[in-house]
């Protein structure tokens, strides 16, 4: 029986450590019995050319790979902070794929961008002011 392919989804843009994080996620997916589809390495020698494409084209290609070649998606714990990963989850939901979400251990914190932190502060301030 052919192993099912699981697409790995998480933040890439603005992250210096994304290759290491995606490699760790690939190990998790592999250990779960799936064949990992790692967007940070899936094009092999062509990857350096792919990275020069406009962002919208990169996301479109990633979503096509997900929709037409994968059976499931693995969402990193901080995927919600990535527009591309959020779109990939929507594609997986639309295609009725198996969705596996990584859990954040209760004693650790997910790195949150300054913009997201600021939005949180503003939301709490507005709630106190009843705006």
N, C-alpha and C. Protein backbone atom coordinates (compact mmCIF):
# COMPACT_ATOMS: atom_id res chain seq x y z
N UNK A 1 0.83 -1.19 0.00
CA UNK A 1 0.00 0.00 0.00
C UNK A 1 0.88 1.25 0.00
N UNK A 2 0.49 2.22 -0.80
CA UNK A 2 1.24 3.46 -0.93
C UNK A 2 1.02 4.35 0.30
N UNK A 3 2.13 4.91 0.82
CA UNK A 3 2.02 5.81 1.98
C UNK A 3 1.32 7.10 1.56
N UNK A 4 0.44 7.59 2.43
CA UNK A 4 -0.24 8.85 2.15
C UNK A 4 0.74 10.01 2.30
N UNK A 5 0.50 11.05 1.50
CA UNK A 5 1.35 12.23 1.52
C UNK A 5 0.71 13.30 2.40
N UNK A 6 1.53 13.86 3.31
CA UNK A 6 1.04 14.90 4.21
C UNK A 6 1.85 16.18 3.99
N UNK A 7 1.15 17.24 3.64
CA UNK A 7 1.75 18.55 3.40
C UNK A 7 2.02 19.22 4.74
N UNK A 8 3.18 19.84 4.88
CA UNK A 8 3.55 20.53 6.12
C UNK A 8 3.30 22.02 5.92
N UNK A 9 2.55 22.62 6.83
CA UNK A 9 2.16 24.02 6.70
C UNK A 9 2.55 24.80 7.95
N UNK A 10 3.14 25.96 7.72
CA UNK A 10 3.54 26.83 8.82
C UNK A 10 4.18 28.09 8.28
N UNK A 11 4.54 29.01 9.15
CA UNK A 11 5.14 30.27 8.71
C UNK A 11 6.53 30.09 8.10
N UNK A 12 6.76 30.75 6.99
CA UNK A 12 8.07 30.76 6.34
C UNK A 12 8.58 32.20 6.25
N UNK A 13 7.74 33.10 5.71
CA UNK A 13 8.14 34.49 5.51
C UNK A 13 8.51 35.14 6.83
N UNK A 14 9.69 35.75 6.86
CA UNK A 14 10.14 36.46 8.05
C UNK A 14 10.75 35.57 9.12
N UNK A 15 10.88 34.28 8.85
CA UNK A 15 11.45 33.34 9.83
C UNK A 15 12.81 32.87 9.33
N UNK A 16 13.85 33.10 10.12
CA UNK A 16 15.19 32.64 9.75
C UNK A 16 15.36 31.14 9.97
N UNK A 17 14.57 30.58 10.87
CA UNK A 17 14.73 29.17 11.25
C UNK A 17 13.72 28.24 10.58
N UNK A 18 13.06 28.71 9.50
CA UNK A 18 11.98 27.90 8.94
C UNK A 18 12.46 26.56 8.38
N UNK A 19 13.66 26.50 7.81
CA UNK A 19 14.13 25.22 7.25
C UNK A 19 14.32 24.17 8.35
N UNK A 20 14.86 24.58 9.49
CA UNK A 20 15.04 23.67 10.61
C UNK A 20 13.68 23.24 11.17
N UNK A 21 12.76 24.20 11.30
CA UNK A 21 11.43 23.90 11.84
C UNK A 21 10.66 22.94 10.93
N UNK A 22 10.77 23.15 9.61
CA UNK A 22 10.08 22.28 8.68
C UNK A 22 10.73 20.89 8.63
N UNK A 23 12.04 20.84 8.83
CA UNK A 23 12.72 19.53 8.89
C UNK A 23 12.25 18.75 10.12
N UNK A 24 12.10 19.42 11.25
CA UNK A 24 11.58 18.78 12.46
C UNK A 24 10.16 18.28 12.24
N UNK A 25 9.34 19.12 11.59
CA UNK A 25 7.96 18.72 11.30
C UNK A 25 7.93 17.52 10.36
N UNK A 26 8.86 17.48 9.39
CA UNK A 26 8.93 16.35 8.46
C UNK A 26 9.22 15.06 9.21
N UNK A 27 10.08 15.13 10.22
CA UNK A 27 10.37 13.95 11.05
C UNK A 27 9.11 13.48 11.79
N UNK A 28 8.34 14.43 12.31
CA UNK A 28 7.10 14.09 13.02
C UNK A 28 6.13 13.40 12.06
N UNK A 29 5.97 13.97 10.88
CA UNK A 29 5.06 13.41 9.87
C UNK A 29 5.52 12.02 9.44
N UNK A 30 6.80 11.87 9.21
CA UNK A 30 7.38 10.57 8.81
C UNK A 30 7.14 9.52 9.90
N UNK A 31 7.38 9.90 11.16
CA UNK A 31 7.18 8.98 12.28
C UNK A 31 5.71 8.61 12.47
N UNK A 32 4.80 9.44 11.95
CA UNK A 32 3.37 9.14 12.02
C UNK A 32 2.93 8.23 10.87
N UNK A 33 3.88 7.88 9.98
CA UNK A 33 3.57 6.95 8.90
C UNK A 33 3.21 7.58 7.57
N UNK A 34 3.35 8.89 7.47
CA UNK A 34 3.05 9.59 6.22
C UNK A 34 4.34 9.92 5.47
N UNK A 35 4.20 10.21 4.19
CA UNK A 35 5.32 10.74 3.41
C UNK A 35 5.22 12.26 3.49
N UNK A 36 6.20 12.94 4.10
CA UNK A 36 6.11 14.39 4.26
C UNK A 36 6.32 15.13 2.94
N UNK A 37 5.53 16.18 2.75
CA UNK A 37 5.71 17.09 1.63
C UNK A 37 6.10 18.42 2.25
N UNK A 38 7.39 18.73 2.16
CA UNK A 38 7.98 19.89 2.82
C UNK A 38 8.11 21.03 1.81
N UNK A 39 7.31 22.11 1.94
CA UNK A 39 7.36 23.19 0.96
C UNK A 39 8.70 23.93 0.91
N UNK A 40 9.51 23.79 1.95
CA UNK A 40 10.81 24.49 1.94
C UNK A 40 11.87 23.71 1.16
N UNK A 41 11.55 22.47 0.78
CA UNK A 41 12.53 21.66 0.03
C UNK A 41 11.90 20.87 -1.11
N UNK A 42 10.60 20.99 -1.33
CA UNK A 42 9.92 20.07 -2.25
C UNK A 42 10.33 20.19 -3.71
N UNK A 43 10.97 21.27 -4.09
CA UNK A 43 11.37 21.42 -5.49
C UNK A 43 12.83 21.05 -5.73
N UNK A 44 13.51 20.54 -4.72
CA UNK A 44 14.88 20.07 -4.89
C UNK A 44 15.80 21.13 -5.45
N UNK A 45 16.51 20.79 -6.52
CA UNK A 45 17.48 21.71 -7.12
C UNK A 45 16.81 22.96 -7.67
N UNK A 46 15.51 22.91 -7.95
CA UNK A 46 14.77 24.04 -8.51
C UNK A 46 14.30 25.02 -7.43
N UNK A 47 14.51 24.66 -6.15
CA UNK A 47 14.01 25.46 -5.03
C UNK A 47 14.52 26.90 -5.08
N UNK A 48 15.79 27.09 -5.44
CA UNK A 48 16.33 28.45 -5.45
C UNK A 48 15.64 29.32 -6.50
N UNK A 49 15.16 28.74 -7.58
CA UNK A 49 14.42 29.48 -8.60
C UNK A 49 13.01 29.78 -8.07
N UNK A 50 12.37 28.77 -7.47
CA UNK A 50 11.02 28.93 -6.92
C UNK A 50 10.99 30.09 -5.92
N UNK A 51 12.02 30.21 -5.10
CA UNK A 51 12.07 31.26 -4.07
C UNK A 51 12.16 32.67 -4.67
N UNK A 52 12.49 32.78 -5.94
CA UNK A 52 12.57 34.08 -6.62
C UNK A 52 11.22 34.48 -7.23
N UNK A 53 10.26 33.55 -7.29
CA UNK A 53 8.94 33.85 -7.82
C UNK A 53 8.24 34.86 -6.91
N UNK A 54 7.29 35.64 -7.47
CA UNK A 54 6.49 36.52 -6.61
C UNK A 54 5.75 35.70 -5.56
N UNK A 55 5.52 36.30 -4.38
CA UNK A 55 4.90 35.60 -3.26
C UNK A 55 3.57 34.96 -3.65
N UNK A 56 2.73 35.69 -4.36
CA UNK A 56 1.41 35.15 -4.75
C UNK A 56 1.55 33.89 -5.59
N UNK A 57 2.52 33.87 -6.49
CA UNK A 57 2.73 32.69 -7.32
C UNK A 57 3.23 31.52 -6.48
N UNK A 58 4.11 31.80 -5.53
CA UNK A 58 4.60 30.74 -4.63
C UNK A 58 3.43 30.11 -3.87
N UNK A 59 2.55 30.95 -3.32
CA UNK A 59 1.42 30.45 -2.55
C UNK A 59 0.46 29.67 -3.45
N UNK A 60 0.23 30.15 -4.66
CA UNK A 60 -0.64 29.44 -5.60
C UNK A 60 -0.09 28.06 -5.91
N UNK A 61 1.20 27.98 -6.20
CA UNK A 61 1.83 26.69 -6.50
C UNK A 61 1.76 25.76 -5.30
N UNK A 62 2.05 26.29 -4.10
CA UNK A 62 1.96 25.47 -2.89
C UNK A 62 0.55 24.90 -2.71
N UNK A 63 -0.46 25.73 -2.94
CA UNK A 63 -1.85 25.27 -2.78
C UNK A 63 -2.21 24.23 -3.84
N UNK A 64 -1.69 24.37 -5.05
CA UNK A 64 -1.94 23.37 -6.09
C UNK A 64 -1.28 22.03 -5.73
N UNK A 65 -0.06 22.10 -5.23
CA UNK A 65 0.62 20.87 -4.79
C UNK A 65 -0.19 20.21 -3.69
N UNK A 66 -0.65 21.00 -2.72
CA UNK A 66 -1.46 20.48 -1.62
C UNK A 66 -2.74 19.83 -2.15
N UNK A 67 -3.48 20.56 -2.98
CA UNK A 67 -4.80 20.08 -3.44
C UNK A 67 -4.72 18.85 -4.34
N UNK A 68 -3.68 18.77 -5.16
CA UNK A 68 -3.65 17.71 -6.17
C UNK A 68 -2.68 16.57 -5.91
N UNK A 69 -1.80 16.70 -4.91
CA UNK A 69 -0.84 15.62 -4.67
C UNK A 69 -0.82 15.10 -3.24
N UNK A 70 -1.58 15.72 -2.35
CA UNK A 70 -1.52 15.34 -0.94
C UNK A 70 -2.85 14.80 -0.44
N UNK A 71 -2.76 14.02 0.64
CA UNK A 71 -3.94 13.41 1.25
C UNK A 71 -4.30 14.06 2.58
N UNK A 72 -3.34 14.77 3.18
CA UNK A 72 -3.53 15.34 4.51
C UNK A 72 -2.63 16.55 4.68
N UNK A 73 -2.86 17.30 5.75
CA UNK A 73 -2.02 18.46 6.04
C UNK A 73 -1.65 18.46 7.52
N UNK A 74 -0.40 18.81 7.81
CA UNK A 74 0.09 18.96 9.18
C UNK A 74 0.30 20.45 9.41
N UNK A 75 -0.40 21.01 10.38
CA UNK A 75 -0.30 22.43 10.69
C UNK A 75 0.61 22.64 11.89
N UNK A 76 1.66 23.41 11.70
CA UNK A 76 2.53 23.74 12.83
C UNK A 76 1.73 24.55 13.84
N UNK A 77 2.19 24.55 15.08
CA UNK A 77 1.45 25.20 16.17
C UNK A 77 1.18 26.68 15.90
N UNK A 78 2.07 27.34 15.19
CA UNK A 78 1.92 28.78 14.95
C UNK A 78 1.44 29.11 13.54
N UNK A 79 0.78 28.17 12.88
CA UNK A 79 0.35 28.38 11.50
C UNK A 79 -0.60 29.58 11.35
N UNK A 80 -1.35 29.90 12.39
CA UNK A 80 -2.33 30.98 12.32
C UNK A 80 -1.69 32.35 12.12
N UNK A 81 -0.38 32.44 12.35
CA UNK A 81 0.32 33.71 12.18
C UNK A 81 0.87 33.87 10.77
N UNK A 82 0.49 32.97 9.87
CA UNK A 82 0.96 33.00 8.49
C UNK A 82 -0.24 33.05 7.54
N UNK A 83 -0.25 34.05 6.67
CA UNK A 83 -1.35 34.15 5.68
C UNK A 83 -1.34 32.94 4.76
N UNK A 84 -0.15 32.53 4.31
CA UNK A 84 -0.05 31.39 3.40
C UNK A 84 -0.51 30.10 4.05
N UNK A 85 -0.09 29.85 5.29
CA UNK A 85 -0.48 28.63 5.98
C UNK A 85 -1.98 28.62 6.28
N UNK A 86 -2.55 29.78 6.58
CA UNK A 86 -3.98 29.87 6.82
C UNK A 86 -4.75 29.53 5.53
N UNK A 87 -4.25 30.01 4.40
CA UNK A 87 -4.86 29.68 3.11
C UNK A 87 -4.72 28.18 2.82
N UNK A 88 -3.57 27.62 3.12
CA UNK A 88 -3.36 26.18 2.90
C UNK A 88 -4.34 25.36 3.74
N UNK A 89 -4.61 25.79 4.96
CA UNK A 89 -5.61 25.09 5.78
C UNK A 89 -6.99 25.17 5.14
N UNK A 90 -7.32 26.34 4.60
CA UNK A 90 -8.62 26.50 3.93
C UNK A 90 -8.73 25.57 2.73
N UNK A 91 -7.65 25.43 1.97
CA UNK A 91 -7.65 24.52 0.82
C UNK A 91 -7.85 23.08 1.29
N UNK A 92 -7.14 22.69 2.35
CA UNK A 92 -7.27 21.34 2.89
C UNK A 92 -8.70 21.09 3.38
N UNK A 93 -9.29 22.07 4.06
CA UNK A 93 -10.67 21.93 4.52
C UNK A 93 -11.62 21.79 3.33
N UNK A 94 -11.42 22.62 2.31
CA UNK A 94 -12.27 22.57 1.12
C UNK A 94 -12.18 21.21 0.43
N UNK A 95 -10.97 20.64 0.40
CA UNK A 95 -10.75 19.34 -0.24
C UNK A 95 -11.10 18.17 0.67
N UNK A 96 -11.57 18.48 1.88
CA UNK A 96 -11.96 17.46 2.87
C UNK A 96 -10.81 16.51 3.21
N UNK A 97 -9.63 17.11 3.38
CA UNK A 97 -8.44 16.35 3.76
C UNK A 97 -8.38 16.16 5.26
N UNK A 98 -7.60 15.19 5.67
CA UNK A 98 -7.30 15.03 7.09
C UNK A 98 -6.43 16.21 7.51
N UNK A 99 -6.81 16.87 8.60
CA UNK A 99 -6.06 18.02 9.12
C UNK A 99 -5.53 17.65 10.49
N UNK A 100 -4.20 17.70 10.64
CA UNK A 100 -3.55 17.43 11.92
C UNK A 100 -2.92 18.74 12.39
N UNK A 101 -3.33 19.19 13.56
CA UNK A 101 -2.78 20.42 14.14
C UNK A 101 -1.83 20.10 15.26
N UNK A 102 -0.62 20.67 15.19
CA UNK A 102 0.34 20.49 16.28
C UNK A 102 -0.17 21.22 17.51
N UNK A 103 0.07 20.65 18.65
CA UNK A 103 -0.33 21.28 19.89
C UNK A 103 0.83 22.04 20.49
N UNK A 104 0.50 23.14 21.13
CA UNK A 104 1.51 23.92 21.83
C UNK A 104 1.51 23.44 23.27
N UNK A 105 2.66 22.95 23.76
CA UNK A 105 2.71 22.54 25.17
C UNK A 105 2.32 23.71 26.07
N UNK A 106 1.60 23.44 27.13
CA UNK A 106 1.09 24.51 27.99
C UNK A 106 2.20 25.30 28.67
N UNK A 107 3.39 24.71 28.79
CA UNK A 107 4.48 25.42 29.46
C UNK A 107 5.39 26.16 28.49
N UNK A 108 5.06 26.19 27.22
CA UNK A 108 5.89 26.92 26.27
C UNK A 108 5.07 28.01 25.61
N UNK A 109 5.76 28.92 24.97
CA UNK A 109 5.05 30.00 24.29
C UNK A 109 5.44 30.01 22.83
N UNK A 110 4.47 30.33 21.99
CA UNK A 110 4.70 30.45 20.57
C UNK A 110 5.15 31.88 20.31
N UNK A 111 6.18 32.05 19.51
CA UNK A 111 6.66 33.38 19.20
C UNK A 111 5.60 34.11 18.39
N UNK A 112 5.19 35.26 18.89
CA UNK A 112 4.15 36.04 18.24
C UNK A 112 4.78 37.31 17.69
N UNK A 113 4.43 37.67 16.46
CA UNK A 113 5.00 38.85 15.84
C UNK A 113 4.57 40.10 16.59
N UNK A 114 5.38 41.17 16.50
CA UNK A 114 5.03 42.43 17.18
C UNK A 114 3.68 42.98 16.72
N UNK A 115 3.33 42.79 15.45
CA UNK A 115 2.04 43.29 14.95
C UNK A 115 0.90 42.57 15.66
N UNK A 116 0.98 41.24 15.76
CA UNK A 116 -0.06 40.47 16.43
C UNK A 116 -0.16 40.87 17.90
N UNK A 117 0.98 41.07 18.56
CA UNK A 117 0.98 41.51 19.95
C UNK A 117 0.27 42.86 20.08
N UNK A 118 0.59 43.79 19.18
CA UNK A 118 -0.01 45.13 19.22
C UNK A 118 -1.51 45.05 19.03
N UNK A 119 -1.97 44.21 18.10
CA UNK A 119 -3.40 44.05 17.88
C UNK A 119 -4.06 43.52 19.15
N UNK A 120 -3.39 42.58 19.82
CA UNK A 120 -3.93 42.06 21.08
C UNK A 120 -4.03 43.13 22.14
N UNK A 121 -2.99 43.96 22.26
CA UNK A 121 -3.02 45.05 23.24
C UNK A 121 -4.15 46.02 22.93
N UNK A 122 -4.30 46.38 21.65
CA UNK A 122 -5.36 47.31 21.26
C UNK A 122 -6.74 46.72 21.55
N UNK A 123 -6.91 45.44 21.27
CA UNK A 123 -8.19 44.78 21.52
C UNK A 123 -8.55 44.81 23.00
N UNK A 124 -7.57 44.52 23.86
CA UNK A 124 -7.84 44.54 25.30
C UNK A 124 -8.13 45.97 25.78
N UNK A 125 -7.39 46.96 25.24
CA UNK A 125 -7.63 48.34 25.62
C UNK A 125 -9.01 48.81 25.19
N UNK A 126 -9.41 48.42 23.98
CA UNK A 126 -10.73 48.80 23.49
C UNK A 126 -11.83 48.14 24.32
N UNK A 127 -11.61 46.90 24.74
CA UNK A 127 -12.59 46.21 25.56
C UNK A 127 -12.77 46.93 26.90
N UNK A 128 -11.65 47.40 27.47
CA UNK A 128 -11.74 48.12 28.76
C UNK A 128 -12.49 49.43 28.59
N UNK A 129 -12.28 50.07 27.42
CA UNK A 129 -12.94 51.33 27.15
C UNK A 129 -14.37 51.13 26.59
N UNK A 130 -14.70 49.88 26.33
CA UNK A 130 -16.00 49.49 25.74
C UNK A 130 -16.24 50.15 24.40
N UNK A 131 -15.22 50.11 23.57
CA UNK A 131 -15.33 50.70 22.22
C UNK A 131 -15.78 49.63 21.27
